N, C-alpha and C. Protein backbone atom coordinates (compact mmCIF):
# COMPACT_ATOMS: atom_id res chain seq x y z
N MET A 1 -0.71 6.81 -14.49
CA MET A 1 -2.17 5.90 -13.66
C MET A 1 -2.47 6.75 -13.04
N ARG A 2 -4.21 6.85 -12.87
CA ARG A 2 -4.02 8.01 -11.97
C ARG A 2 -4.67 7.61 -10.29
N LYS A 3 -4.58 8.82 -9.73
CA LYS A 3 -5.00 7.99 -8.48
C LYS A 3 -5.91 6.90 -7.60
N GLY A 4 -6.99 7.77 -7.87
CA GLY A 4 -7.55 6.50 -7.56
C GLY A 4 -7.65 4.77 -8.15
N ARG A 5 -6.99 5.07 -9.55
CA ARG A 5 -7.34 3.52 -9.70
C ARG A 5 -6.06 3.18 -9.03
N ILE A 6 -5.05 4.20 -8.72
CA ILE A 6 -3.70 3.09 -7.78
C ILE A 6 -4.38 2.48 -6.39
N LEU A 7 -5.28 3.58 -5.94
CA LEU A 7 -5.85 3.16 -4.47
C LEU A 7 -6.33 2.02 -4.41
N ASP A 8 -7.51 1.59 -5.52
CA ASP A 8 -8.13 0.45 -5.91
C ASP A 8 -7.70 -1.25 -6.07
N THR A 9 -6.41 -1.07 -6.49
CA THR A 9 -5.17 -1.81 -7.26
C THR A 9 -4.37 -2.17 -5.86
N LEU A 10 -4.12 -0.94 -5.21
CA LEU A 10 -3.65 -1.25 -3.96
C LEU A 10 -4.58 -2.43 -3.09
N LYS A 11 -5.89 -1.49 -2.62
CA LYS A 11 -6.57 -2.50 -1.94
C LYS A 11 -6.79 -4.03 -2.00
N GLU A 12 -7.23 -4.42 -3.80
CA GLU A 12 -7.23 -5.65 -4.19
C GLU A 12 -5.99 -6.40 -3.54
N ALA A 13 -4.63 -5.81 -4.20
CA ALA A 13 -3.52 -6.36 -3.69
C ALA A 13 -3.30 -6.87 -2.26
N LEU A 14 -4.12 -5.93 -1.24
CA LEU A 14 -3.61 -5.81 0.11
C LEU A 14 -4.72 -7.31 0.63
N VAL A 15 -5.82 -7.08 0.09
CA VAL A 15 -6.28 -8.41 0.33
C VAL A 15 -6.12 -9.33 0.04
N ARG A 16 -5.98 -9.66 -1.75
CA ARG A 16 -5.75 -10.61 -2.20
C ARG A 16 -4.18 -11.51 -1.46
N ASP A 17 -2.78 -10.28 -1.35
CA ASP A 17 -1.43 -10.73 -1.20
C ASP A 17 -1.39 -10.67 0.24
N LEU A 18 -1.77 -9.93 0.93
CA LEU A 18 -1.37 -9.99 2.05
C LEU A 18 -2.51 -10.89 3.00
N ARG A 19 -3.23 -11.97 2.07
CA ARG A 19 -4.31 -12.41 3.24
C ARG A 19 -5.52 -11.87 3.73
N LEU A 20 -5.59 -10.60 3.93
CA LEU A 20 -6.44 -9.93 4.90
C LEU A 20 -7.90 -10.62 5.13
N GLU A 21 -8.19 -10.58 6.37
CA GLU A 21 -9.47 -11.83 6.74
C GLU A 21 -10.57 -11.03 6.91
N ASP A 22 -11.72 -11.98 6.39
CA ASP A 22 -13.11 -10.53 7.11
C ASP A 22 -12.69 -8.90 6.33
N ILE A 23 -12.19 -8.88 5.71
CA ILE A 23 -11.96 -7.29 5.06
C ILE A 23 -12.24 -7.57 3.09
N THR A 24 -12.59 -6.61 2.53
CA THR A 24 -13.04 -6.41 1.74
C THR A 24 -12.15 -5.22 0.81
N PRO A 25 -11.72 -4.66 -0.19
CA PRO A 25 -11.16 -3.26 -0.35
C PRO A 25 -11.87 -2.50 -0.30
N ALA A 26 -13.10 -2.77 -0.58
CA ALA A 26 -14.34 -1.36 -0.69
C ALA A 26 -14.39 -1.35 1.37
N ASP A 27 -14.14 -1.97 2.02
CA ASP A 27 -14.25 -1.98 3.59
C ASP A 27 -12.71 -1.02 4.09
N ILE A 28 -11.54 -0.71 3.41
CA ILE A 28 -10.77 -0.35 3.10
C ILE A 28 -10.52 1.91 2.94
N ASP A 29 -10.49 2.51 3.95
CA ASP A 29 -10.43 3.71 4.12
C ASP A 29 -8.88 3.56 4.08
N PRO A 30 -8.51 4.52 2.87
CA PRO A 30 -7.59 5.24 2.32
C PRO A 30 -6.37 5.78 3.53
N CYS A 31 -7.59 6.55 4.73
CA CYS A 31 -6.65 7.55 5.03
C CYS A 31 -6.09 6.82 6.23
N LEU A 32 -6.54 5.62 6.75
CA LEU A 32 -6.20 4.42 7.83
C LEU A 32 -5.07 4.34 8.23
N PRO A 33 -4.59 4.46 9.31
CA PRO A 33 -3.21 3.98 9.48
C PRO A 33 -2.59 2.24 8.61
N LEU A 34 -1.59 1.89 7.73
CA LEU A 34 -1.65 0.99 7.74
C LEU A 34 -1.37 -0.15 8.96
N PHE A 35 -0.42 0.48 9.83
CA PHE A 35 0.03 -0.36 10.59
C PHE A 35 -0.19 -0.17 12.41
N GLY A 36 -0.31 -0.83 13.39
CA GLY A 36 -1.00 -0.42 14.56
C GLY A 36 -2.17 -0.60 14.70
N ASP A 37 -2.87 -1.31 15.72
CA ASP A 37 -4.99 -1.40 15.87
C ASP A 37 -5.19 0.18 15.74
N SER A 38 -4.73 1.13 15.44
CA SER A 38 -5.85 1.85 15.13
C SER A 38 -6.21 1.97 13.23
N GLY A 39 -5.44 1.11 12.68
CA GLY A 39 -5.61 1.52 11.41
C GLY A 39 -5.96 -0.37 10.80
N LEU A 40 -4.92 -1.05 9.78
CA LEU A 40 -5.56 -2.05 9.08
C LEU A 40 -4.46 -2.95 9.75
N GLY A 41 -3.17 -2.48 11.01
CA GLY A 41 -3.08 -3.64 12.08
C GLY A 41 -1.84 -4.53 11.20
N LEU A 42 -1.89 -4.10 9.87
CA LEU A 42 -0.26 -4.85 9.08
C LEU A 42 1.27 -4.74 10.30
N ASP A 43 2.10 -6.01 9.54
CA ASP A 43 3.32 -6.15 10.42
C ASP A 43 4.72 -5.89 10.23
N SER A 44 5.64 -5.93 10.65
CA SER A 44 6.51 -6.03 9.68
C SER A 44 6.76 -6.85 8.78
N LEU A 45 6.10 -7.91 8.53
CA LEU A 45 6.45 -8.80 7.63
C LEU A 45 5.49 -8.39 6.66
N ASP A 46 4.40 -7.29 6.88
CA ASP A 46 3.29 -7.36 5.95
C ASP A 46 4.05 -6.20 4.94
N ALA A 47 5.13 -5.27 5.91
CA ALA A 47 5.68 -4.43 5.20
C ALA A 47 6.87 -5.09 3.85
N VAL A 48 7.10 -5.70 4.51
CA VAL A 48 8.52 -6.06 3.42
C VAL A 48 7.57 -7.23 2.36
N GLU A 49 6.27 -7.52 2.61
CA GLU A 49 5.51 -7.86 1.40
C GLU A 49 4.65 -6.79 0.67
N LEU A 50 4.53 -5.88 1.38
CA LEU A 50 3.99 -4.43 0.80
C LEU A 50 5.24 -3.57 -0.34
N VAL A 51 6.42 -3.99 0.43
CA VAL A 51 7.56 -3.41 -0.92
C VAL A 51 7.65 -4.62 -2.57
N VAL A 52 7.35 -5.33 -1.87
CA VAL A 52 7.25 -6.92 -2.95
C VAL A 52 6.21 -6.26 -4.01
N LEU A 53 4.70 -5.98 -3.21
CA LEU A 53 3.50 -5.51 -4.35
C LEU A 53 3.36 -4.37 -4.99
N VAL A 54 4.37 -3.25 -4.41
CA VAL A 54 4.52 -2.06 -5.29
C VAL A 54 5.38 -2.22 -5.93
N GLU A 55 6.27 -2.76 -5.81
CA GLU A 55 7.42 -2.60 -7.16
C GLU A 55 6.84 -4.15 -8.15
N LYS A 56 5.94 -4.37 -7.96
CA LYS A 56 5.20 -5.92 -8.96
C LYS A 56 4.40 -5.08 -9.49
N HIS A 57 3.33 -4.38 -9.19
CA HIS A 57 2.26 -3.83 -9.44
C HIS A 57 2.20 -2.50 -10.20
N PHE A 58 2.96 -1.74 -9.59
CA PHE A 58 3.57 -0.46 -10.08
C PHE A 58 4.79 0.01 -10.66
N GLY A 59 5.57 -0.99 -10.67
CA GLY A 59 7.60 -1.05 -11.22
C GLY A 59 8.28 0.32 -10.21
N VAL A 60 7.64 0.75 -9.11
CA VAL A 60 8.11 1.19 -8.26
C VAL A 60 8.81 0.69 -6.64
N SER A 61 10.53 1.46 -6.80
CA SER A 61 10.72 0.92 -6.03
C SER A 61 11.09 1.66 -4.31
N ILE A 62 10.93 0.86 -3.81
CA ILE A 62 11.19 2.15 -2.31
C ILE A 62 12.63 1.42 -1.68
N ALA A 63 13.28 2.87 -1.99
CA ALA A 63 15.11 2.71 -1.38
C ALA A 63 15.05 2.69 -0.32
N ASP A 64 14.64 2.00 0.77
CA ASP A 64 15.24 1.92 2.62
C ASP A 64 13.80 2.23 3.06
N ALA A 65 14.46 1.45 4.14
CA ALA A 65 13.55 1.44 5.43
C ALA A 65 12.82 2.36 6.11
N GLU A 66 13.69 3.84 5.86
CA GLU A 66 13.12 5.50 6.39
C GLU A 66 12.40 5.46 5.06
N GLU A 67 12.23 5.85 3.93
CA GLU A 67 11.41 6.07 2.59
C GLU A 67 9.98 5.33 2.83
N ALA A 68 10.59 3.57 3.31
CA ALA A 68 9.50 2.86 3.94
C ALA A 68 8.74 3.63 4.59
N GLY A 69 9.05 3.89 5.84
CA GLY A 69 8.33 4.37 6.93
C GLY A 69 7.39 5.37 6.72
N ALA A 70 8.30 6.76 5.45
CA ALA A 70 7.01 7.64 5.04
C ALA A 70 6.13 7.21 4.18
N VAL A 71 6.25 6.71 3.60
CA VAL A 71 5.44 6.14 2.63
C VAL A 71 3.84 5.37 3.45
N PHE A 72 4.51 4.45 4.08
CA PHE A 72 3.49 3.20 4.44
C PHE A 72 2.69 3.83 5.50
N THR A 73 2.43 5.43 5.59
CA THR A 73 2.07 5.53 6.84
C THR A 73 0.16 5.00 6.47
N SER A 74 0.01 5.47 5.00
CA SER A 74 -1.78 5.12 4.75
C SER A 74 -1.78 4.94 3.24
N LEU A 75 -2.59 4.20 2.65
CA LEU A 75 -2.81 3.77 1.42
C LEU A 75 -2.21 5.08 0.46
N ASP A 76 -3.49 6.21 1.24
CA ASP A 76 -3.21 7.65 0.36
C ASP A 76 -2.02 8.44 0.22
N VAL A 77 -1.12 7.72 1.00
CA VAL A 77 0.25 8.62 1.25
C VAL A 77 1.04 7.73 -0.32
N LEU A 78 0.99 6.21 0.08
CA LEU A 78 1.95 5.69 -0.32
C LEU A 78 1.07 5.98 -2.52
N ALA A 79 0.09 5.82 -2.76
CA ALA A 79 -0.78 6.08 -3.74
C ALA A 79 -0.14 7.59 -4.26
N ASP A 80 0.07 8.57 -3.33
CA ASP A 80 0.61 9.92 -4.07
C ASP A 80 2.23 9.65 -4.17
N PHE A 81 3.08 8.23 -3.59
CA PHE A 81 4.13 8.11 -3.53
C PHE A 81 4.54 7.90 -5.26
N ILE A 82 3.40 7.03 -4.98
CA ILE A 82 3.74 5.81 -6.99
C ILE A 82 3.30 6.66 -7.81
N VAL A 83 2.13 7.98 -7.49
CA VAL A 83 2.14 8.73 -8.41
C VAL A 83 2.99 9.82 -8.86
N ALA A 84 3.90 9.93 -8.04
CA ALA A 84 4.71 11.17 -7.97
C ALA A 84 6.54 10.35 -8.64
N LYS A 85 6.39 8.83 -8.35
CA LYS A 85 8.04 8.19 -8.75
C LYS A 85 7.31 8.07 -10.30
N GLY A 86 5.78 8.22 -10.87
CA GLY A 86 5.86 7.95 -12.02
C GLY A 86 5.31 6.60 -12.57
N SER A 87 4.35 6.27 -11.98
CA SER A 87 3.72 4.72 -12.03
C SER A 87 3.78 4.34 -13.51
N ASN A 88 4.74 2.88 -14.21
CA ASN A 88 4.60 2.49 -15.55
C ASN A 88 3.56 1.45 -15.60
N ALA A 89 2.75 1.55 -14.39
CA ALA A 89 1.60 0.52 -14.65
C ALA A 89 0.49 0.84 -15.22
């Protein structure tokens, strides 16, 4: 799967599955931080849901909290991780 399609799928899933209000997939800049006030403002519960979302949509497992911390910096980094892991979606 191409990175662009992965980003589109991630944006759509974030808005739908994490129930982000007042935001559309087109509003999401893939380079913004996922967590914290300067980005999407996701929290630790969202991180757990994001792990499930990545496994469900792309068949890619995130091994542990350390790996999650590294790949959940932005959607751009997460998409690169999914490409590197060989998404089967």
